Structure formats: structure tokens, C-alpha cells
PDB file of N, CA and C in Angstrom:
ATOM      1  N   UNK A   1      -4.265  34.917 -19.033  1.00  0.00           N
ATOM      2  CA  UNK A   1      -3.996  34.025 -18.281  1.00  0.00           C
ATOM      3  C   UNK A   1      -4.986  32.547 -19.266  1.00  0.00           C
ATOM      4  N   UNK A   2      -5.461  32.512 -20.528  1.00  0.00           N
ATOM      5  CA  UNK A   2      -5.940  31.570 -20.724  1.00  0.00           C
ATOM      6  C   UNK A   2      -4.199  31.036 -21.530  1.00  0.00           C
ATOM      7  N   UNK A   3      -3.684  31.606 -22.228  1.00  0.00           N
ATOM      8  CA  UNK A   3      -2.055  31.036 -22.808  1.00  0.00           C
ATOM      9  C   UNK A   3      -1.682  30.474 -21.257  1.00  0.00           C
ATOM     10  N   UNK A   4      -1.652  30.843 -20.050  1.00  0.00           N
ATOM     11  CA  UNK A   4      -0.868  30.465 -19.470  1.00  0.00           C
ATOM     12  C   UNK A   4      -1.847  28.669 -18.541  1.00  0.00           C
ATOM     13  N   UNK A   5      -2.874  28.907 -19.200  1.00  0.00           N
ATOM     14  CA  UNK A   5      -3.740  27.280 -19.169  1.00  0.00           C
ATOM     15  C   UNK A   5      -4.032  26.129 -20.115  1.00  0.00           C
ATOM     16  N   UNK A   6      -3.419  27.002 -20.956  1.00  0.00           N
ATOM     17  CA  UNK A   6      -3.018  26.208 -22.300  1.00  0.00           C
ATOM     18  C   UNK A   6      -1.181  25.705 -22.330  1.00  0.00           C
ATOM     19  N   UNK A   7      -1.045  26.899 -21.531  1.00  0.00           N
ATOM     20  CA  UNK A   7       0.546  26.458 -21.623  1.00  0.00           C
ATOM     21  C   UNK A   7       1.024  25.100 -20.767  1.00  0.00           C
ATOM     22  N   UNK A   8       0.209  25.052 -19.576  1.00  0.00           N
ATOM     23  CA  UNK A   8      -0.118  24.158 -18.083  1.00  0.00           C
ATOM     24  C   UNK A   8      -0.274  22.713 -18.766  1.00  0.00           C
ATOM     25  N   UNK A   9      -1.600  22.702 -19.613  1.00  0.00           N
ATOM     26  CA  UNK A   9      -1.889  22.010 -20.096  1.00  0.00           C
ATOM     27  C   UNK A   9      -1.154  21.279 -20.940  1.00  0.00           C
ATOM     28  N   UNK A  10      -0.669  21.984 -21.431  1.00  0.00           N
ATOM     29  CA  UNK A  10       0.649  21.063 -22.629  1.00  0.00           C
ATOM     30  C   UNK A  10       1.489  20.311 -22.149  1.00  0.00           C
ATOM     31  N   UNK A  11       2.044  20.587 -20.605  1.00  0.00           N
ATOM     32  CA  UNK A  11       2.713  19.967 -20.382  1.00  0.00           C
ATOM     33  C   UNK A  11       2.155  19.364 -19.112  1.00  0.00           C
ATOM     34  N   UNK A  12       1.235  19.260 -18.776  1.00  0.00           N
ATOM     35  CA  UNK A  12       0.597  18.061 -18.132  1.00  0.00           C
ATOM     36  C   UNK A  12       0.390  17.293 -18.598  1.00  0.00           C
ATOM     37  N   UNK A  13      -0.284  17.268 -19.829  1.00  0.00           N
ATOM     38  CA  UNK A  13      -0.375  15.594 -21.229  1.00  0.00           C
ATOM     39  C   UNK A  13       0.623  15.075 -20.943  1.00  0.00           C
ATOM     40  N   UNK A  14       2.861  15.965 -21.095  1.00  0.00           N
ATOM     41  CA  UNK A  14       3.836  14.958 -20.788  1.00  0.00           C
ATOM     42  C   UNK A  14       4.182  14.275 -19.133  1.00  0.00           C
ATOM     43  N   UNK A  15       3.284  14.874 -18.388  1.00  0.00           N
ATOM     44  CA  UNK A  15       3.364  14.451 -16.953  1.00  0.00           C
ATOM     45  C   UNK A  15       4.092  13.117 -17.273  1.00  0.00           C
ATOM     46  N   UNK A  16       3.550  12.276 -17.344  1.00  0.00           N
ATOM     47  CA  UNK A  16       3.376  10.613 -17.656  1.00  0.00           C
ATOM     48  C   UNK A  16       4.682  10.126 -17.965  1.00  0.00           C
ATOM     49  N   UNK A  17       5.016  10.771 -19.392  1.00  0.00           N
ATOM     50  CA  UNK A  17       6.031  10.480 -19.925  1.00  0.00           C
ATOM     51  C   UNK A  17       6.917  10.834 -19.107  1.00  0.00           C
ATOM     52  N   UNK A  18       7.135  12.517 -18.740  1.00  0.00           N
ATOM     53  CA  UNK A  18       8.282  12.960 -17.867  1.00  0.00           C
ATOM     54  C   UNK A  18       8.291  11.711 -16.910  1.00  0.00           C
ATOM     55  N   UNK A  19       7.520  11.342 -16.171  1.00  0.00           N
ATOM     56  CA  UNK A  19       8.168  10.251 -14.996  1.00  0.00           C
ATOM     57  C   UNK A  19       8.460   9.054 -15.085  1.00  0.00           C
ATOM     58  N   UNK A  20       8.104   8.569 -16.865  1.00  0.00           N
ATOM     59  CA  UNK A  20       8.580   7.292 -17.055  1.00  0.00           C
ATOM     60  C   UNK A  20      10.273   7.677 -17.819  1.00  0.00           C
ATOM     61  N   UNK A  21      10.611   9.241 -17.689  1.00  0.00           N
ATOM     62  CA  UNK A  21      11.526   9.240 -18.335  1.00  0.00           C
ATOM     63  C   UNK A  21      11.739   8.511 -20.196  1.00  0.00           C
ATOM     64  N   UNK A  22      10.655   8.633 -20.791  1.00  0.00           N
ATOM     65  CA  UNK A  22      10.658   8.783 -21.628  1.00  0.00           C
ATOM     66  C   UNK A  22      10.502  10.560 -23.632  1.00  0.00           C
ATOM     67  N   UNK A  23      10.936  11.544 -22.449  1.00  0.00           N
ATOM     68  CA  UNK A  23      10.968  13.036 -22.404  1.00  0.00           C
ATOM     69  C   UNK A  23      12.244  12.774 -23.534  1.00  0.00           C
ATOM     70  N   UNK A  24      12.066  13.727 -25.160  1.00  0.00           N
ATOM     71  CA  UNK A  24      13.678  13.320 -25.011  1.00  0.00           C
ATOM     72  C   UNK A  24      14.834  14.621 -24.153  1.00  0.00           C
ATOM     73  N   UNK A  25      15.694  14.952 -24.542  1.00  0.00           N
ATOM     74  CA  UNK A  25      16.606  15.560 -22.992  1.00  0.00           C
ATOM     75  C   UNK A  25      15.474  17.390 -23.278  1.00  0.00           C
ATOM     76  N   UNK A  26      15.870  17.795 -24.387  1.00  0.00           N
ATOM     77  CA  UNK A  26      15.016  19.173 -24.948  1.00  0.00           C
ATOM     78  C   UNK A  26      14.116  19.351 -24.088  1.00  0.00           C
ATOM     79  N   UNK A  27      12.597  18.423 -23.928  1.00  0.00           N
ATOM     80  CA  UNK A  27      11.038  18.428 -23.243  1.00  0.00           C
ATOM     81  C   UNK A  27      11.490  17.751 -22.140  1.00  0.00           C
ATOM     82  N   UNK A  28      12.449  17.221 -22.131  1.00  0.00           N
ATOM     83  CA  UNK A  28      12.609  16.932 -19.927  1.00  0.00           C
ATOM     84  C   UNK A  28      12.723  18.129 -20.223  1.00  0.00           C
ATOM     85  N   UNK A  29      14.078  19.394 -20.184  1.00  0.00           N
ATOM     86  CA  UNK A  29      14.721  19.746 -19.399  1.00  0.00           C
ATOM     87  C   UNK A  29      13.732  20.947 -19.268  1.00  0.00           C
ATOM     88  N   UNK A  30      12.569  21.233 -20.951  1.00  0.00           N
ATOM     89  CA  UNK A  30      11.553  22.283 -21.095  1.00  0.00           C
ATOM     90  C   UNK A  30      10.267  21.738 -19.454  1.00  0.00           C
ATOM     91  N   UNK A  31      10.306  20.333 -19.727  1.00  0.00           N
ATOM     92  CA  UNK A  31       9.307  20.394 -18.600  1.00  0.00           C
ATOM     93  C   UNK A  31       9.840  20.151 -16.954  1.00  0.00           C
ATOM     94  N   UNK A  32      10.777  20.213 -16.516  1.00  0.00           N
ATOM     95  CA  UNK A  32      11.443  20.413 -15.792  1.00  0.00           C
ATOM     96  C   UNK A  32      12.032  21.816 -15.238  1.00  0.00           C
ATOM     97  N   UNK A  33      11.856  22.839 -16.355  1.00  0.00           N
ATOM     98  CA  UNK A  33      11.821  24.340 -16.515  1.00  0.00           C
ATOM     99  C   UNK A  33      10.866  24.842 -15.965  1.00  0.00           C
ATOM    100  N   UNK A  34       9.917  24.460 -16.407  1.00  0.00           N
ATOM    101  CA  UNK A  34       8.456  25.090 -16.383  1.00  0.00           C
ATOM    102  C   UNK A  34       6.908  24.634 -14.799  1.00  0.00           C
ATOM    103  N   UNK A  35       7.780  23.470 -14.707  1.00  0.00           N
ATOM    104  CA  UNK A  35       7.279  22.562 -13.785  1.00  0.00           C
ATOM    105  C   UNK A  35       8.396  23.554 -11.787  1.00  0.00           C
ATOM    106  N   UNK A  36       9.175  23.485 -12.471  1.00  0.00           N
ATOM    107  CA  UNK A  36       9.423  24.515 -11.926  1.00  0.00           C
ATOM    108  C   UNK A  36       9.246  25.809 -11.337  1.00  0.00           C
ATOM    109  N   UNK A  37       9.084  26.238 -11.912  1.00  0.00           N
ATOM    110  CA  UNK A  37       8.323  27.561 -12.140  1.00  0.00           C
ATOM    111  C   UNK A  37       6.784  27.791 -12.025  1.00  0.00           C
ATOM    112  N   UNK A  38       6.256  27.083 -11.682  1.00  0.00           N
ATOM    113  CA  UNK A  38       4.926  26.923 -12.107  1.00  0.00           C
ATOM    114  C   UNK A  38       4.010  26.268 -10.958  1.00  0.00           C
ATOM    115  N   UNK A  39       3.340  27.245  -9.615  1.00  0.00           N
ATOM    116  CA  UNK A  39       3.462  26.285  -7.978  1.00  0.00           C
ATOM    117  C   UNK A  39       2.266  25.391  -9.020  1.00  0.00           C
ATOM    118  N   UNK A  40       1.153  25.578  -9.645  1.00  0.00           N
ATOM    119  CA  UNK A  40       0.067  24.868  -9.721  1.00  0.00           C
ATOM    120  C   UNK A  40       0.869  22.956 -10.523  1.00  0.00           C
ATOM    121  N   UNK A  41       1.089  23.853 -11.628  1.00  0.00           N
ATOM    122  CA  UNK A  41       1.833  22.256 -11.790  1.00  0.00           C
ATOM    123  C   UNK A  41       2.530  21.144 -11.336  1.00  0.00           C
ATOM    124  N   UNK A  42       3.544  22.626 -10.109  1.00  0.00           N
ATOM    125  CA  UNK A  42       4.560  21.399  -9.071  1.00  0.00           C
ATOM    126  C   UNK A  42       3.714  20.830  -8.739  1.00  0.00           C
ATOM    127  N   UNK A  43       2.765  21.157  -8.111  1.00  0.00           N
ATOM    128  CA  UNK A  43       1.577  20.642  -6.813  1.00  0.00           C
ATOM    129  C   UNK A  43       1.118  19.327  -7.760  1.00  0.00           C
ATOM    130  N   UNK A  44       1.016  19.021  -8.815  1.00  0.00           N
ATOM    131  CA  UNK A  44       0.300  18.352  -9.591  1.00  0.00           C
ATOM    132  C   UNK A  44       1.605  17.162 -10.300  1.00  0.00           C
ATOM    133  N   UNK A  45       2.607  17.697 -10.342  1.00  0.00           N
ATOM    134  CA  UNK A  45       3.771  17.135 -10.748  1.00  0.00           C
ATOM    135  C   UNK A  45       4.501  16.379  -9.258  1.00  0.00           C
ATOM    136  N   UNK A  46       3.949  16.568  -8.143  1.00  0.00           N
ATOM    137  CA  UNK A  46       4.682  15.831  -7.490  1.00  0.00           C
ATOM    138  C   UNK A  46       3.443  15.392  -6.152  1.00  0.00           C
ATOM    139  N   UNK A  47       2.063  15.626  -6.940  1.00  0.00           N
ATOM    140  CA  UNK A  47       0.761  14.567  -5.852  1.00  0.00           C
ATOM    141  C   UNK A  47       1.298  13.467  -7.149  1.00  0.00           C
ATOM    142  N   UNK A  48       1.200  13.543  -8.397  1.00  0.00           N
ATOM    143  CA  UNK A  48       1.434  12.544  -9.199  1.00  0.00           C
ATOM    144  C   UNK A  48       2.790  11.388  -8.518  1.00  0.00           C
ATOM    145  N   UNK A  49       3.654  11.924  -9.128  1.00  0.00           N
ATOM    146  CA  UNK A  49       5.199  11.264  -8.532  1.00  0.00           C
ATOM    147  C   UNK A  49       4.845  10.154  -6.884  1.00  0.00           C
ATOM    148  N   UNK A  50       4.456  11.190  -6.031  1.00  0.00           N
ATOM    149  CA  UNK A  50       4.439  10.129  -4.813  1.00  0.00           C
ATOM    150  C   UNK A  50       3.511   9.273  -4.781  1.00  0.00           C
ATOM    151  N   UNK A  51       2.980   9.513  -5.965  1.00  0.00           N
ATOM    152  CA  UNK A  51       1.017   8.554  -5.818  1.00  0.00           C
ATOM    153  C   UNK A  51       1.898   7.066  -6.862  1.00  0.00           C
ATOM    154  N   UNK A  52       2.901   7.074  -7.683  1.00  0.00           N
ATOM    155  CA  UNK A  52       3.187   6.204  -8.895  1.00  0.00           C
ATOM    156  C   UNK A  52       4.104   5.895  -7.791  1.00  0.00           C
ATOM    157  N   UNK A  53       4.859   6.369  -7.020  1.00  0.00           N
ATOM    158  CA  UNK A  53       5.484   5.522  -5.704  1.00  0.00           C
ATOM    159  C   UNK A  53       5.580   4.951  -4.652  1.00  0.00           C
ATOM    160  N   UNK A  54       4.341   5.723  -4.308  1.00  0.00           N
ATOM    161  CA  UNK A  54       3.720   4.423  -3.186  1.00  0.00           C
ATOM    162  C   UNK A  54       3.437   3.039  -3.954  1.00  0.00           C
ATOM    163  N   UNK A  55       2.476   3.252  -5.257  1.00  0.00           N
ATOM    164  CA  UNK A  55       2.525   2.380  -5.884  1.00  0.00           C
ATOM    165  C   UNK A  55       2.966   1.684  -5.960  1.00  0.00           C
ATOM    166  N   UNK A  56       4.377   1.473  -6.838  1.00  0.00           N
ATOM    167  CA  UNK A  56       5.677   1.122  -6.938  1.00  0.00           C
ATOM    168  C   UNK A  56       5.380  -0.060  -6.006  1.00  0.00           C
ATOM    169  N   UNK A  57       5.988   0.948  -4.508  1.00  0.00           N
ATOM    170  CA  UNK A  57       6.218  -0.375  -3.108  1.00  0.00           C
ATOM    171  C   UNK A  57       4.912  -1.005  -2.964  1.00  0.00           C
ATOM    172  N   UNK A  58       4.107  -0.872  -3.285  1.00  0.00           N
ATOM    173  CA  UNK A  58       2.671  -1.444  -2.812  1.00  0.00           C
ATOM    174  C   UNK A  58       2.530  -3.057  -3.798  1.00  0.00           C
ATOM    175  N   UNK A  59       3.239  -2.766  -4.656  1.00  0.00           N
ATOM    176  CA  UNK A  59       3.136  -3.985  -6.273  1.00  0.00           C
ATOM    177  C   UNK A  59       3.325  -4.523  -5.344  1.00  0.00           C
ATOM    178  N   UNK A  60       4.062  -5.867  -5.013  1.00  0.00           N
ATOM    179  CA  UNK A  60       3.847  -6.883  -4.786  1.00  0.00           C
ATOM    180  C   UNK A  60       2.501  -7.109  -3.332  1.00  0.00           C
ATOM    181  N   UNK A  61       1.537  -6.663  -3.001  1.00  0.00           N
ATOM    182  CA  UNK A  61       0.276  -6.238  -2.171  1.00  0.00           C
ATOM    183  C   UNK A  61      -0.697  -6.591  -3.779  1.00  0.00           C
ATOM    184  N   UNK A  62      -0.937  -4.876  -4.037  1.00  0.00           N
ATOM    185  CA  UNK A  62      -1.465  -4.500  -5.013  1.00  0.00           C
ATOM    186  C   UNK A  62      -0.730  -4.134  -6.880  1.00  0.00           C
ATOM    187  N   UNK A  63      -1.047  -5.135  -7.630  1.00  0.00           N
ATOM    188  CA  UNK A  63       0.049  -4.473  -9.352  1.00  0.00           C
ATOM    189  C   UNK A  63      -1.170  -3.453  -9.733  1.00  0.00           C
ATOM    190  N   UNK A  64      -0.948  -2.335  -9.957  1.00  0.00           N
ATOM    191  CA  UNK A  64      -1.062  -1.070 -10.426  1.00  0.00           C
ATOM    192  C   UNK A  64      -1.278  -1.319 -11.988  1.00  0.00           C
ATOM    193  N   UNK A  65      -2.200  -1.585 -13.054  1.00  0.00           N
ATOM    194  CA  UNK A  65      -1.930  -1.296 -14.227  1.00  0.00           C
ATOM    195  C   UNK A  65      -0.967  -0.088 -14.517  1.00  0.00           C
ATOM    196  N   UNK A  66      -0.743  -0.295 -15.702  1.00  0.00           N
ATOM    197  CA  UNK A  66      -0.468   1.421 -17.418  1.00  0.00           C
ATOM    198  C   UNK A  66      -1.725   1.756 -16.790  1.00  0.00           C
ATOM    199  N   UNK A  67      -1.967   1.150 -17.082  1.00  0.00           N
ATOM    200  CA  UNK A  67      -4.312   1.937 -17.265  1.00  0.00           C
ATOM    201  C   UNK A  67      -4.685   2.646 -16.529  1.00  0.00           C
ATOM    202  N   UNK A  68      -4.330   2.239 -15.438  1.00  0.00           N
ATOM    203  CA  UNK A  68      -5.040   2.649 -14.378  1.00  0.00           C
ATOM    204  C   UNK A  68      -3.433   4.391 -13.820  1.00  0.00           C
ATOM    205  N   UNK A  69      -2.240   4.284 -14.026  1.00  0.00           N
ATOM    206  CA  UNK A  69      -2.152   4.435 -14.084  1.00  0.00           C
ATOM    207  C   UNK A  69      -2.078   5.994 -15.294  1.00  0.00           C
ATOM    208  N   UNK A  70      -2.475   5.725 -16.149  1.00  0.00           N
ATOM    209  CA  UNK A  70      -2.589   6.456 -17.034  1.00  0.00           C
ATOM    210  C   UNK A  70      -4.023   7.376 -17.124  1.00  0.00           C
ATOM    211  N   UNK A  71      -5.040   6.495 -16.094  1.00  0.00           N
ATOM    212  CA  UNK A  71      -6.046   6.563 -16.039  1.00  0.00           C
ATOM    213  C   UNK A  71      -6.350   7.786 -14.628  1.00  0.00           C
ATOM    214  N   UNK A  72      -5.308   7.885 -13.557  1.00  0.00           N
ATOM    215  CA  UNK A  72      -4.822   8.410 -12.964  1.00  0.00           C
ATOM    216  C   UNK A  72      -4.089   9.801 -13.170  1.00  0.00           C
ATOM    217  N   UNK A  73      -3.915   9.814 -13.538  1.00  0.00           N
ATOM    218  CA  UNK A  73      -2.266  10.581 -15.020  1.00  0.00           C
ATOM    219  C   UNK A  73      -3.768  12.135 -15.576  1.00  0.00           C
ATOM    220  N   UNK A  74      -5.196  11.251 -16.309  1.00  0.00           N
ATOM    221  CA  UNK A  74      -5.507  11.974 -16.799  1.00  0.00           C
ATOM    222  C   UNK A  74      -6.569  12.516 -15.329  1.00  0.00           C
ATOM    223  N   UNK A  75      -7.605  11.951 -15.104  1.00  0.00           N
ATOM    224  CA  UNK A  75      -8.279  12.354 -14.172  1.00  0.00           C
ATOM    225  C   UNK A  75      -7.498  13.506 -13.017  1.00  0.00           C
ATOM    226  N   UNK A  76      -6.468  13.333 -12.126  1.00  0.00           N
ATOM    227  CA  UNK A  76      -5.200  14.496 -11.529  1.00  0.00           C
ATOM    228  C   UNK A  76      -5.487  16.002 -13.282  1.00  0.00           C
ATOM    229  N   UNK A  77      -5.192  15.836 -14.248  1.00  0.00           N
ATOM    230  CA  UNK A  77      -4.869  16.829 -15.067  1.00  0.00           C
ATOM    231  C   UNK A  77      -6.307  17.620 -15.181  1.00  0.00           C
ATOM    232  N   UNK A  78      -7.394  16.476 -15.571  1.00  0.00           N
ATOM    233  CA  UNK A  78      -8.087  17.500 -15.729  1.00  0.00           C
ATOM    234  C   UNK A  78      -8.842  17.856 -14.877  1.00  0.00           C
ATOM    235  N   UNK A  79      -8.501  17.856 -13.694  1.00  0.00           N
ATOM    236  CA  UNK A  79      -9.289  18.498 -12.459  1.00  0.00           C
ATOM    237  C   UNK A  79      -9.074  19.300 -11.655  1.00  0.00           C
ATOM    238  N   UNK A  80      -7.102  20.049 -12.146  1.00  0.00           N
ATOM    239  CA  UNK A  80      -6.364  20.734 -11.465  1.00  0.00           C
ATOM    240  C   UNK A  80      -6.753  21.346 -13.318  1.00  0.00           C
ATOM    241  N   UNK A  81      -7.050  20.720 -13.748  1.00  0.00           N
ATOM    242  CA  UNK A  81      -6.960  22.237 -14.924  1.00  0.00           C
ATOM    243  C   UNK A  81      -8.401  22.762 -15.022  1.00  0.00           C
ATOM    244  N   UNK A  82      -9.544  22.390 -14.792  1.00  0.00           N
ATOM    245  CA  UNK A  82     -10.439  22.497 -14.755  1.00  0.00           C
ATOM    246  C   UNK A  82     -10.652  23.818 -13.329  1.00  0.00           C
ATOM    247  N   UNK A  83      -9.767  24.154 -12.403  1.00  0.00           N
ATOM    248  CA  UNK A  83      -9.646  24.472 -11.714  1.00  0.00           C
ATOM    249  C   UNK A  83      -9.111  25.769 -11.549  1.00  0.00           C
ATOM    250  N   UNK A  84      -8.661  26.210 -12.849  1.00  0.00           N
ATOM    251  CA  UNK A  84      -7.924  27.261 -13.007  1.00  0.00           C
ATOM    252  C   UNK A  84      -9.125  28.588 -13.475  1.00  0.00           C
TER     253      UNK A  84
END
């Protein structure tokens, strides 16, 4: 179980870079493969991606800073990892 948590933690640290398309092709494919096969990581990814998408849609109303997005990513990752 510990190895699974460490593996998920590794991928969750890449979440922001994946969503921002900043990963190398190999890391991108590896991340995508893991998220598609891990229900917990899929839920985190989906929640984060929806949050970012919605925040971009409201950009004209309220500006979400990159620091806020990074903080959100950190909070989601830490809370999901602590539930395992």
C-alpha cells in the first residue's frame, strides 16, 4: 500500500504541469496512463481540471492568480493523499 501512495503522490505532484501541458511527452503519457488506471487519482484530476476550467470561464468576473491555482493543487493533493 505504501508503494501505491508514493506512486500516487508522485503523479499528483505533476498534476498542475499536466493540466498546463508542461510535461515532456513521456511524462505526459505516463501520467495519463496512471490517472486512467487509478480511481483516486482520476477523481482528483477530474475535480482539479473542472475547477481550473470553471475559474478560467469566470476570468472576466474574478481573476484567479497562478498562486491560487498552485495552492488549490497543493490542498487537493494533500487532502487526497491523507485519506489513503
